[in-house]
Each structure stands twice: as C-alpha cells, then as structure tokens.
Amino acid sequence: MQDFIVQTLETERLILRPLQSSDAPCIYKHFANDAKVTQYLTWQPHANVQETQQTIQKWIDNQTNIFAIELKSTHEVIGTIDTGHLDARTKSCEIGYVIGRQYWNQGYMTEAFSRLLDYLFDEVGLNRVRADCDARNKASSAVMKKCGLRLEACKRQDVWTNAGIGDREIYAILKMDRHPHHFYS
C-alpha cells in the first residue's frame, strides 16, 4: 500500500484537489452556512466565513486528507470529500463528503466518490472503503449504492446529527467488488 497523498484528480466535470485556505468563501457560500445541507451532519452550520476559514485551517494543520470538489466549468468549490481512519494493516479507510444544495441530484457527488474510489483502490492500493450516514439521509445512501457500496449494518440510535439521534447505516466496498475478475494478494 502506498502512502496516501491528497493530489489532484479529475473527472469529466470535476477537479478533486487539496483543500486550501482560500476556498473558505466558496465553501461558506455553497454549503457551510446551510442548515439544510448540514441537517444530517455532526457539525453546526457556520455563522460566518471566518468560522469556515478557521475550520479549514484546522483541517490543514491536522493534515486531514480532504479534497475540494471544484467545478471545471466555473472553478468554484461546491463540496468536499475526505478520507479518514486509514488503516495500513487492513488496507482500509472511510470516506466522508458534503456538497452544496444547488448541486444536489446532478451526479456530482457520485462522480467525485467514484473517482476517489478508483484512486484509493488502483493507486493507493486499498482493499476496503467504508462510508456511513444517518439512515434518514436517503440521498447520501443513494450515492454510496450508485458507487457500488453495500449496506453492511444499521446501528440503531448510534449517531447524533443536527436532525437528532438516529440510526447509522454503514456501507462498504472491497477492491474485488469493484474489479471482480482481478485477484489480489
């Protein structure tokens, strides 16, 4: 397994690149201040762009593996997608993501998630990727299913989000699920 480095990845419509401090205004404008977007997340909507700036700086300082999701057509950051809980022994990680409301239901997150899976399996050498969501967040579970993740568990009353206590759905995909005719050591 290679060391994981946030680098620039591209899709037909998107650029996934390392998050930068200068992304704060777009992030605040498109999703960090929106209560509807953060409804099923564990962090509160940001009160101002300075709060977004401070949050981004913490992520950068903590070397969080977070990508800005940038539209190729406008060069605006419309969301983020990140990896966490990287485990070298099991060659696994977790993915989290958020995207601005005006970009919902247009396939952007599925496109970004799918590209990140390609990178994690084919270039980094991971074997398993997991993601979870509040069970009430049907759009998020739909993204995971479209990307080939399978529901592994539903932990009852296991997550607190801005919508309150709820069930947590846990999805995962293995490298062999994505490339079923290839054998891995």
N, C-alpha and C. Protein backbone atom coordinates (compact mmCIF):
# COMPACT_ATOMS: atom_id res chain seq x y z
N MET A 1 0.85 -1.19 0.00
CA MET A 1 0.00 0.00 0.00
C MET A 1 0.89 1.24 0.00
N GLN A 2 0.62 2.15 -0.91
CA GLN A 2 1.36 3.41 -0.99
C GLN A 2 0.91 4.36 0.11
N ASP A 3 1.76 5.33 0.43
CA ASP A 3 1.33 6.41 1.31
C ASP A 3 0.23 7.18 0.61
N PHE A 4 -0.75 7.57 1.39
CA PHE A 4 -1.86 8.34 0.82
C PHE A 4 -1.49 9.81 0.79
N ILE A 5 -1.56 10.40 -0.38
CA ILE A 5 -1.27 11.82 -0.55
C ILE A 5 -2.43 12.44 -1.30
N VAL A 6 -2.96 13.52 -0.75
CA VAL A 6 -4.03 14.22 -1.46
C VAL A 6 -3.40 14.90 -2.66
N GLN A 7 -3.82 14.48 -3.83
CA GLN A 7 -3.31 15.06 -5.06
C GLN A 7 -4.49 15.47 -5.92
N THR A 8 -4.20 16.02 -7.06
CA THR A 8 -5.28 16.46 -7.95
C THR A 8 -5.76 15.28 -8.79
N LEU A 9 -7.08 15.08 -8.76
CA LEU A 9 -7.74 14.04 -9.55
C LEU A 9 -8.79 14.73 -10.40
N GLU A 10 -9.05 14.20 -11.58
CA GLU A 10 -10.04 14.83 -12.46
C GLU A 10 -11.09 13.84 -12.92
N THR A 11 -12.27 14.37 -13.18
CA THR A 11 -13.34 13.63 -13.82
C THR A 11 -13.79 14.48 -15.02
N GLU A 12 -14.85 14.07 -15.66
CA GLU A 12 -15.34 14.83 -16.80
C GLU A 12 -15.71 16.26 -16.41
N ARG A 13 -16.35 16.43 -15.25
CA ARG A 13 -16.85 17.75 -14.86
C ARG A 13 -16.17 18.35 -13.64
N LEU A 14 -15.34 17.56 -12.95
CA LEU A 14 -14.82 17.99 -11.66
C LEU A 14 -13.31 17.89 -11.56
N ILE A 15 -12.77 18.71 -10.66
CA ILE A 15 -11.39 18.60 -10.23
C ILE A 15 -11.44 18.35 -8.73
N LEU A 16 -10.81 17.26 -8.28
CA LEU A 16 -10.64 16.99 -6.86
C LEU A 16 -9.21 17.37 -6.54
N ARG A 17 -9.03 18.29 -5.63
CA ARG A 17 -7.68 18.79 -5.34
C ARG A 17 -7.56 19.07 -3.85
N PRO A 18 -6.33 19.24 -3.37
CA PRO A 18 -6.16 19.55 -1.95
C PRO A 18 -6.93 20.82 -1.56
N LEU A 19 -7.58 20.75 -0.44
CA LEU A 19 -8.31 21.90 0.09
C LEU A 19 -7.32 23.00 0.46
N GLN A 20 -7.68 24.26 0.20
CA GLN A 20 -6.82 25.40 0.50
C GLN A 20 -7.57 26.41 1.36
N SER A 21 -6.83 27.19 2.12
CA SER A 21 -7.44 28.25 2.94
C SER A 21 -8.28 29.19 2.10
N SER A 22 -7.84 29.44 0.88
CA SER A 22 -8.55 30.38 0.00
C SER A 22 -9.91 29.85 -0.47
N ASP A 23 -10.22 28.59 -0.16
CA ASP A 23 -11.51 28.01 -0.53
C ASP A 23 -12.64 28.42 0.43
N ALA A 24 -12.31 29.05 1.54
CA ALA A 24 -13.31 29.37 2.57
C ALA A 24 -14.53 30.12 2.03
N PRO A 25 -14.37 31.18 1.24
CA PRO A 25 -15.57 31.89 0.78
C PRO A 25 -16.53 31.01 -0.03
N CYS A 26 -16.01 30.18 -0.93
CA CYS A 26 -16.87 29.28 -1.72
C CYS A 26 -17.53 28.24 -0.83
N ILE A 27 -16.77 27.68 0.08
CA ILE A 27 -17.32 26.65 0.97
C ILE A 27 -18.42 27.23 1.85
N TYR A 28 -18.18 28.42 2.38
CA TYR A 28 -19.21 29.07 3.19
C TYR A 28 -20.44 29.35 2.35
N LYS A 29 -20.24 29.91 1.18
CA LYS A 29 -21.35 30.30 0.29
C LYS A 29 -22.17 29.09 -0.16
N HIS A 30 -21.52 28.01 -0.52
CA HIS A 30 -22.22 26.88 -1.13
C HIS A 30 -22.79 25.87 -0.14
N PHE A 31 -22.16 25.72 1.05
CA PHE A 31 -22.73 24.71 1.94
C PHE A 31 -22.47 24.87 3.43
N ALA A 32 -21.41 25.49 3.85
CA ALA A 32 -21.08 25.51 5.28
C ALA A 32 -22.08 26.31 6.12
N ASN A 33 -22.80 27.23 5.50
CA ASN A 33 -23.75 28.06 6.24
C ASN A 33 -25.19 27.56 6.11
N ASP A 34 -25.40 26.44 5.42
CA ASP A 34 -26.74 25.98 5.06
C ASP A 34 -27.24 24.90 6.02
N ALA A 35 -28.27 25.22 6.79
CA ALA A 35 -28.83 24.27 7.76
C ALA A 35 -29.40 23.03 7.08
N LYS A 36 -29.91 23.16 5.87
CA LYS A 36 -30.45 22.01 5.15
C LYS A 36 -29.32 21.05 4.75
N VAL A 37 -28.20 21.60 4.29
CA VAL A 37 -27.06 20.78 3.91
C VAL A 37 -26.48 20.07 5.14
N THR A 38 -26.41 20.75 6.26
CA THR A 38 -25.79 20.18 7.46
C THR A 38 -26.79 19.42 8.34
N GLN A 39 -28.01 19.26 7.88
CA GLN A 39 -29.05 18.60 8.67
C GLN A 39 -28.61 17.23 9.20
N TYR A 40 -27.95 16.43 8.38
CA TYR A 40 -27.55 15.09 8.78
C TYR A 40 -26.05 14.98 9.08
N LEU A 41 -25.43 16.13 9.34
CA LEU A 41 -24.01 16.15 9.70
C LEU A 41 -23.87 16.40 11.20
N THR A 42 -22.65 16.21 11.69
CA THR A 42 -22.41 16.37 13.13
C THR A 42 -21.92 17.76 13.50
N TRP A 43 -21.68 18.61 12.51
CA TRP A 43 -21.24 19.98 12.81
C TRP A 43 -22.34 20.97 12.43
N GLN A 44 -22.40 22.04 13.21
CA GLN A 44 -23.40 23.08 13.02
C GLN A 44 -23.07 23.94 11.79
N PRO A 45 -24.09 24.54 11.17
CA PRO A 45 -23.80 25.49 10.09
C PRO A 45 -22.90 26.62 10.61
N HIS A 46 -22.01 27.08 9.78
CA HIS A 46 -21.10 28.15 10.19
C HIS A 46 -21.81 29.50 10.19
N ALA A 47 -21.48 30.31 11.18
CA ALA A 47 -22.12 31.62 11.34
C ALA A 47 -21.56 32.65 10.36
N ASN A 48 -20.30 32.47 9.95
CA ASN A 48 -19.67 33.44 9.06
C ASN A 48 -18.48 32.78 8.35
N VAL A 49 -17.95 33.48 7.37
CA VAL A 49 -16.85 32.92 6.58
C VAL A 49 -15.59 32.74 7.42
N GLN A 50 -15.44 33.54 8.48
CA GLN A 50 -14.27 33.39 9.36
C GLN A 50 -14.29 32.03 10.06
N GLU A 51 -15.48 31.59 10.45
CA GLU A 51 -15.60 30.27 11.08
C GLU A 51 -15.21 29.17 10.08
N THR A 52 -15.62 29.34 8.85
CA THR A 52 -15.24 28.39 7.81
C THR A 52 -13.73 28.41 7.61
N GLN A 53 -13.14 29.60 7.58
CA GLN A 53 -11.69 29.75 7.43
C GLN A 53 -10.95 29.04 8.56
N GLN A 54 -11.41 29.22 9.79
CA GLN A 54 -10.77 28.58 10.95
C GLN A 54 -10.88 27.05 10.86
N THR A 55 -12.03 26.57 10.43
CA THR A 55 -12.23 25.12 10.30
C THR A 55 -11.29 24.55 9.25
N ILE A 56 -11.20 25.20 8.11
CA ILE A 56 -10.29 24.74 7.05
C ILE A 56 -8.85 24.73 7.55
N GLN A 57 -8.47 25.77 8.27
CA GLN A 57 -7.10 25.84 8.77
C GLN A 57 -6.81 24.70 9.75
N LYS A 58 -7.79 24.35 10.58
CA LYS A 58 -7.62 23.19 11.48
C LYS A 58 -7.41 21.92 10.68
N TRP A 59 -8.21 21.75 9.63
CA TRP A 59 -8.06 20.55 8.80
C TRP A 59 -6.68 20.51 8.17
N ILE A 60 -6.22 21.63 7.66
CA ILE A 60 -4.90 21.70 7.03
C ILE A 60 -3.81 21.43 8.07
N ASP A 61 -3.91 22.07 9.24
CA ASP A 61 -2.93 21.87 10.30
C ASP A 61 -2.87 20.42 10.78
N ASN A 62 -4.03 19.77 10.80
CA ASN A 62 -4.10 18.37 11.24
C ASN A 62 -3.81 17.38 10.11
N GLN A 63 -3.43 17.90 8.96
CA GLN A 63 -3.10 17.10 7.78
C GLN A 63 -4.24 16.15 7.42
N THR A 64 -5.45 16.67 7.50
CA THR A 64 -6.62 15.89 7.12
C THR A 64 -6.59 15.63 5.61
N ASN A 65 -6.92 14.42 5.23
CA ASN A 65 -6.93 14.04 3.81
C ASN A 65 -8.24 14.50 3.18
N ILE A 66 -8.31 15.76 2.84
CA ILE A 66 -9.56 16.33 2.35
C ILE A 66 -9.36 16.98 0.98
N PHE A 67 -10.26 16.64 0.08
CA PHE A 67 -10.24 17.19 -1.27
C PHE A 67 -11.34 18.25 -1.40
N ALA A 68 -11.01 19.33 -2.07
CA ALA A 68 -12.03 20.27 -2.52
C ALA A 68 -12.61 19.69 -3.81
N ILE A 69 -13.92 19.78 -3.96
CA ILE A 69 -14.58 19.37 -5.20
C ILE A 69 -14.86 20.64 -5.98
N GLU A 70 -14.13 20.82 -7.07
CA GLU A 70 -14.21 22.05 -7.86
C GLU A 70 -14.86 21.76 -9.22
N LEU A 71 -15.79 22.62 -9.59
CA LEU A 71 -16.41 22.51 -10.92
C LEU A 71 -15.40 22.98 -11.96
N LYS A 72 -15.17 22.18 -12.98
CA LYS A 72 -14.26 22.60 -14.05
C LYS A 72 -14.79 23.83 -14.77
N SER A 73 -16.10 23.91 -14.93
CA SER A 73 -16.70 24.98 -15.72
C SER A 73 -16.59 26.36 -15.07
N THR A 74 -16.62 26.42 -13.73
CA THR A 74 -16.61 27.72 -13.04
C THR A 74 -15.42 27.89 -12.10
N HIS A 75 -14.72 26.80 -11.81
CA HIS A 75 -13.61 26.78 -10.84
C HIS A 75 -14.06 27.14 -9.43
N GLU A 76 -15.35 26.93 -9.14
CA GLU A 76 -15.85 27.14 -7.79
C GLU A 76 -15.85 25.83 -7.03
N VAL A 77 -15.54 25.90 -5.73
CA VAL A 77 -15.59 24.73 -4.87
C VAL A 77 -17.04 24.54 -4.44
N ILE A 78 -17.60 23.36 -4.77
CA ILE A 78 -19.01 23.09 -4.48
C ILE A 78 -19.20 22.05 -3.38
N GLY A 79 -18.09 21.44 -2.94
CA GLY A 79 -18.19 20.43 -1.89
C GLY A 79 -16.81 19.96 -1.48
N THR A 80 -16.80 19.00 -0.57
CA THR A 80 -15.56 18.37 -0.14
C THR A 80 -15.79 16.87 -0.04
N ILE A 81 -14.71 16.12 -0.17
CA ILE A 81 -14.73 14.68 0.04
C ILE A 81 -13.41 14.32 0.71
N ASP A 82 -13.48 13.49 1.74
CA ASP A 82 -12.28 13.22 2.52
C ASP A 82 -12.16 11.75 2.88
N THR A 83 -10.96 11.37 3.26
CA THR A 83 -10.71 10.03 3.77
C THR A 83 -10.25 10.14 5.21
N GLY A 84 -10.66 9.18 6.00
CA GLY A 84 -10.26 9.13 7.40
C GLY A 84 -10.07 7.68 7.81
N HIS A 85 -9.60 7.51 9.02
CA HIS A 85 -9.41 6.18 9.60
C HIS A 85 -8.64 5.25 8.66
N LEU A 86 -7.57 5.77 8.07
CA LEU A 86 -6.72 4.97 7.19
C LEU A 86 -6.00 3.92 8.03
N ASP A 87 -6.14 2.66 7.67
CA ASP A 87 -5.55 1.55 8.41
C ASP A 87 -4.66 0.74 7.46
N ALA A 88 -3.35 0.82 7.68
CA ALA A 88 -2.40 0.14 6.80
C ALA A 88 -2.50 -1.38 6.92
N ARG A 89 -2.85 -1.89 8.10
CA ARG A 89 -2.94 -3.34 8.29
C ARG A 89 -4.08 -3.95 7.47
N THR A 90 -5.24 -3.29 7.51
CA THR A 90 -6.39 -3.83 6.77
C THR A 90 -6.54 -3.19 5.39
N LYS A 91 -5.64 -2.26 5.08
CA LYS A 91 -5.70 -1.53 3.80
C LYS A 91 -7.10 -0.97 3.58
N SER A 92 -7.54 -0.20 4.56
CA SER A 92 -8.91 0.33 4.51
C SER A 92 -8.95 1.78 4.95
N CYS A 93 -10.06 2.44 4.60
CA CYS A 93 -10.30 3.80 5.06
C CYS A 93 -11.80 4.07 5.01
N GLU A 94 -12.15 5.24 5.49
CA GLU A 94 -13.53 5.71 5.48
C GLU A 94 -13.60 6.97 4.63
N ILE A 95 -14.70 7.16 3.92
CA ILE A 95 -14.91 8.37 3.12
C ILE A 95 -16.08 9.15 3.70
N GLY A 96 -15.91 10.47 3.74
CA GLY A 96 -16.99 11.38 4.12
C GLY A 96 -17.10 12.47 3.07
N TYR A 97 -18.27 13.07 2.96
CA TYR A 97 -18.46 14.06 1.90
C TYR A 97 -19.62 14.99 2.21
N VAL A 98 -19.59 16.15 1.54
CA VAL A 98 -20.68 17.13 1.63
C VAL A 98 -20.65 17.96 0.34
N ILE A 99 -21.83 18.35 -0.11
CA ILE A 99 -21.92 19.15 -1.34
C ILE A 99 -23.04 20.18 -1.18
N GLY A 100 -22.87 21.32 -1.80
CA GLY A 100 -23.86 22.39 -1.74
C GLY A 100 -25.21 21.97 -2.30
N ARG A 101 -26.28 22.50 -1.71
CA ARG A 101 -27.64 22.11 -2.07
C ARG A 101 -27.96 22.34 -3.55
N GLN A 102 -27.47 23.43 -4.12
CA GLN A 102 -27.80 23.71 -5.52
C GLN A 102 -27.16 22.71 -6.48
N TYR A 103 -26.28 21.84 -5.95
CA TYR A 103 -25.61 20.83 -6.77
C TYR A 103 -26.13 19.42 -6.50
N TRP A 104 -27.15 19.30 -5.66
CA TRP A 104 -27.76 18.00 -5.38
C TRP A 104 -28.44 17.45 -6.63
N ASN A 105 -28.53 16.14 -6.69
CA ASN A 105 -29.27 15.43 -7.74
C ASN A 105 -28.78 15.72 -9.16
N GLN A 106 -27.49 16.00 -9.29
CA GLN A 106 -26.90 16.22 -10.61
C GLN A 106 -25.74 15.27 -10.88
N GLY A 107 -25.53 14.32 -9.97
CA GLY A 107 -24.49 13.31 -10.15
C GLY A 107 -23.09 13.74 -9.78
N TYR A 108 -22.92 14.95 -9.26
CA TYR A 108 -21.57 15.42 -8.92
C TYR A 108 -20.91 14.59 -7.82
N MET A 109 -21.66 14.30 -6.75
CA MET A 109 -21.04 13.56 -5.65
C MET A 109 -20.74 12.12 -6.06
N THR A 110 -21.62 11.51 -6.82
CA THR A 110 -21.36 10.15 -7.31
C THR A 110 -20.11 10.15 -8.18
N GLU A 111 -19.95 11.17 -9.00
CA GLU A 111 -18.77 11.30 -9.88
C GLU A 111 -17.50 11.46 -9.05
N ALA A 112 -17.54 12.31 -8.03
CA ALA A 112 -16.37 12.54 -7.18
C ALA A 112 -16.04 11.28 -6.37
N PHE A 113 -17.04 10.67 -5.77
CA PHE A 113 -16.86 9.47 -4.94
C PHE A 113 -16.26 8.34 -5.79
N SER A 114 -16.80 8.14 -6.97
CA SER A 114 -16.33 7.08 -7.85
C SER A 114 -14.87 7.30 -8.26
N ARG A 115 -14.52 8.53 -8.56
CA ARG A 115 -13.12 8.83 -8.93
C ARG A 115 -12.19 8.59 -7.75
N LEU A 116 -12.63 8.97 -6.55
CA LEU A 116 -11.80 8.75 -5.37
C LEU A 116 -11.63 7.25 -5.11
N LEU A 117 -12.68 6.47 -5.31
CA LEU A 117 -12.56 5.01 -5.17
C LEU A 117 -11.52 4.46 -6.14
N ASP A 118 -11.55 4.90 -7.39
CA ASP A 118 -10.55 4.46 -8.37
C ASP A 118 -9.14 4.74 -7.86
N TYR A 119 -8.93 5.95 -7.36
CA TYR A 119 -7.62 6.33 -6.84
C TYR A 119 -7.22 5.46 -5.65
N LEU A 120 -8.14 5.29 -4.70
CA LEU A 120 -7.82 4.54 -3.49
C LEU A 120 -7.52 3.07 -3.78
N PHE A 121 -8.29 2.46 -4.66
CA PHE A 121 -8.06 1.05 -4.98
C PHE A 121 -6.90 0.85 -5.95
N ASP A 122 -6.85 1.63 -7.01
CA ASP A 122 -5.89 1.38 -8.08
C ASP A 122 -4.52 2.01 -7.87
N GLU A 123 -4.46 3.14 -7.18
CA GLU A 123 -3.18 3.82 -7.00
C GLU A 123 -2.64 3.70 -5.58
N VAL A 124 -3.50 3.86 -4.58
CA VAL A 124 -3.05 3.76 -3.19
C VAL A 124 -2.91 2.29 -2.78
N GLY A 125 -3.76 1.43 -3.33
CA GLY A 125 -3.67 0.00 -3.01
C GLY A 125 -4.55 -0.44 -1.86
N LEU A 126 -5.61 0.29 -1.59
CA LEU A 126 -6.52 -0.12 -0.52
C LEU A 126 -7.32 -1.34 -0.94
N ASN A 127 -7.83 -2.06 0.05
CA ASN A 127 -8.67 -3.22 -0.18
C ASN A 127 -10.13 -2.97 0.19
N ARG A 128 -10.37 -2.05 1.14
CA ARG A 128 -11.74 -1.83 1.63
C ARG A 128 -11.96 -0.35 1.87
N VAL A 129 -13.12 0.14 1.45
CA VAL A 129 -13.51 1.53 1.72
C VAL A 129 -14.91 1.48 2.32
N ARG A 130 -15.08 2.27 3.37
CA ARG A 130 -16.34 2.30 4.09
C ARG A 130 -16.84 3.73 4.14
N ALA A 131 -18.15 3.87 4.26
CA ALA A 131 -18.77 5.18 4.47
C ALA A 131 -20.05 4.94 5.26
N ASP A 132 -20.46 5.94 6.00
CA ASP A 132 -21.71 5.79 6.73
C ASP A 132 -22.51 7.07 6.66
N CYS A 133 -23.79 6.96 7.02
CA CYS A 133 -24.65 8.14 7.03
C CYS A 133 -25.81 7.90 7.99
N ASP A 134 -26.43 8.99 8.38
CA ASP A 134 -27.69 8.94 9.11
C ASP A 134 -28.69 8.24 8.19
N ALA A 135 -29.39 7.25 8.71
CA ALA A 135 -30.31 6.46 7.88
C ALA A 135 -31.41 7.31 7.24
N ARG A 136 -31.68 8.47 7.80
CA ARG A 136 -32.70 9.37 7.23
C ARG A 136 -32.18 10.11 6.00
N ASN A 137 -30.88 10.07 5.79
CA ASN A 137 -30.27 10.78 4.66
C ASN A 137 -30.27 9.88 3.42
N LYS A 138 -31.42 9.80 2.79
CA LYS A 138 -31.60 8.89 1.65
C LYS A 138 -30.72 9.27 0.46
N ALA A 139 -30.46 10.55 0.27
CA ALA A 139 -29.60 10.98 -0.85
C ALA A 139 -28.18 10.47 -0.67
N SER A 140 -27.68 10.51 0.56
CA SER A 140 -26.32 10.03 0.82
C SER A 140 -26.23 8.52 0.62
N SER A 141 -27.20 7.78 1.12
CA SER A 141 -27.15 6.33 0.92
C SER A 141 -27.27 5.99 -0.57
N ALA A 142 -28.01 6.79 -1.33
CA ALA A 142 -28.12 6.57 -2.78
C ALA A 142 -26.78 6.74 -3.47
N VAL A 143 -25.99 7.74 -3.06
CA VAL A 143 -24.66 7.94 -3.63
C VAL A 143 -23.80 6.70 -3.39
N MET A 144 -23.82 6.21 -2.16
CA MET A 144 -23.00 5.04 -1.84
C MET A 144 -23.40 3.83 -2.67
N LYS A 145 -24.70 3.61 -2.79
CA LYS A 145 -25.18 2.46 -3.59
C LYS A 145 -24.79 2.61 -5.06
N LYS A 146 -24.91 3.82 -5.61
CA LYS A 146 -24.53 4.04 -7.02
C LYS A 146 -23.05 3.76 -7.25
N CYS A 147 -22.24 3.97 -6.21
CA CYS A 147 -20.80 3.74 -6.33
C CYS A 147 -20.42 2.30 -6.01
N GLY A 148 -21.41 1.45 -5.77
CA GLY A 148 -21.14 0.03 -5.57
C GLY A 148 -20.98 -0.41 -4.13
N LEU A 149 -21.13 0.50 -3.18
CA LEU A 149 -21.02 0.10 -1.78
C LEU A 149 -22.26 -0.68 -1.39
N ARG A 150 -22.07 -1.61 -0.47
CA ARG A 150 -23.17 -2.44 0.01
C ARG A 150 -23.46 -2.10 1.47
N LEU A 151 -24.72 -2.15 1.81
CA LEU A 151 -25.11 -1.94 3.20
C LEU A 151 -24.63 -3.12 4.02
N GLU A 152 -23.79 -2.84 5.03
CA GLU A 152 -23.27 -3.89 5.90
C GLU A 152 -24.00 -3.95 7.23
N ALA A 153 -24.45 -2.79 7.71
CA ALA A 153 -25.09 -2.77 9.03
C ALA A 153 -25.91 -1.50 9.19
N CYS A 154 -26.86 -1.60 10.06
CA CYS A 154 -27.61 -0.43 10.51
C CYS A 154 -27.55 -0.45 12.03
N LYS A 155 -26.81 0.49 12.59
CA LYS A 155 -26.67 0.57 14.04
C LYS A 155 -27.75 1.49 14.58
N ARG A 156 -28.62 0.94 15.35
CA ARG A 156 -29.79 1.67 15.85
C ARG A 156 -29.39 2.73 16.87
N GLN A 157 -29.95 3.93 16.66
CA GLN A 157 -29.75 5.06 17.57
C GLN A 157 -28.26 5.27 17.89
N ASP A 158 -27.43 5.23 16.86
CA ASP A 158 -25.98 5.26 17.04
C ASP A 158 -25.32 6.56 16.61
N VAL A 159 -26.09 7.49 16.02
CA VAL A 159 -25.47 8.71 15.52
C VAL A 159 -26.27 9.92 15.97
N TRP A 160 -25.54 10.99 16.31
CA TRP A 160 -26.19 12.27 16.58
C TRP A 160 -25.81 13.21 15.46
N THR A 161 -26.84 13.76 14.82
CA THR A 161 -26.64 14.79 13.80
C THR A 161 -27.51 15.97 14.18
N ASN A 162 -27.50 16.99 13.35
CA ASN A 162 -28.35 18.16 13.60
C ASN A 162 -29.84 17.80 13.53
N ALA A 163 -30.17 16.64 12.99
CA ALA A 163 -31.56 16.16 12.95
C ALA A 163 -31.92 15.39 14.22
N GLY A 164 -30.95 15.22 15.13
CA GLY A 164 -31.19 14.48 16.37
C GLY A 164 -30.56 13.09 16.32
N ILE A 165 -30.86 12.29 17.31
CA ILE A 165 -30.33 10.93 17.38
C ILE A 165 -31.01 10.08 16.31
N GLY A 166 -30.21 9.29 15.62
CA GLY A 166 -30.77 8.44 14.57
C GLY A 166 -29.97 7.19 14.36
N ASP A 167 -30.44 6.38 13.45
CA ASP A 167 -29.75 5.15 13.09
C ASP A 167 -28.62 5.48 12.11
N ARG A 168 -27.54 4.71 12.22
CA ARG A 168 -26.39 4.89 11.33
C ARG A 168 -26.33 3.70 10.36
N GLU A 169 -26.35 4.01 9.06
CA GLU A 169 -26.16 2.97 8.06
C GLU A 169 -24.69 2.94 7.68
N ILE A 170 -24.13 1.74 7.65
CA ILE A 170 -22.72 1.56 7.31
C ILE A 170 -22.63 0.78 6.00
N TYR A 171 -21.96 1.39 5.04
CA TYR A 171 -21.77 0.81 3.71
C TYR A 171 -20.28 0.55 3.48
N ALA A 172 -19.97 -0.43 2.64
CA ALA A 172 -18.56 -0.68 2.30
C ALA A 172 -18.47 -1.34 0.93
N ILE A 173 -17.28 -1.23 0.38
CA ILE A 173 -16.94 -1.89 -0.89
C ILE A 173 -15.52 -2.43 -0.77
N LEU A 174 -15.31 -3.60 -1.34
CA LEU A 174 -13.98 -4.20 -1.40
C LEU A 174 -13.42 -4.01 -2.80
N LYS A 175 -12.10 -4.04 -2.88
CA LYS A 175 -11.45 -3.89 -4.19
C LYS A 175 -11.97 -4.95 -5.16
N MET A 176 -12.16 -6.18 -4.69
CA MET A 176 -12.63 -7.24 -5.58
C MET A 176 -14.07 -7.02 -6.02
N ASP A 177 -14.85 -6.23 -5.28
CA ASP A 177 -16.20 -5.88 -5.71
C ASP A 177 -16.16 -4.94 -6.91
N ARG A 178 -15.17 -4.07 -6.90
CA ARG A 178 -15.04 -3.06 -7.96
C ARG A 178 -14.40 -3.66 -9.21
N HIS A 179 -13.47 -4.58 -8.99
CA HIS A 179 -12.75 -5.25 -10.08
C HIS A 179 -12.85 -6.75 -9.84
N PRO A 180 -14.02 -7.36 -10.10
CA PRO A 180 -14.26 -8.74 -9.68
C PRO A 180 -13.41 -9.80 -10.38
N HIS A 181 -12.79 -9.49 -11.51
CA HIS A 181 -12.02 -10.51 -12.23
C HIS A 181 -10.52 -10.40 -11.98
N HIS A 182 -10.14 -9.62 -10.99
CA HIS A 182 -8.73 -9.44 -10.68
C HIS A 182 -8.47 -10.02 -9.30
N PHE A 183 -7.39 -10.79 -9.17
CA PHE A 183 -7.06 -11.40 -7.88
C PHE A 183 -5.99 -10.56 -7.20
N TYR A 184 -6.12 -10.40 -5.90
CA TYR A 184 -5.23 -9.53 -5.14
C TYR A 184 -4.56 -10.32 -4.04
N SER A 185 -3.34 -9.93 -3.74
CA SER A 185 -2.62 -10.59 -2.65
C SER A 185 -2.84 -9.86 -1.36
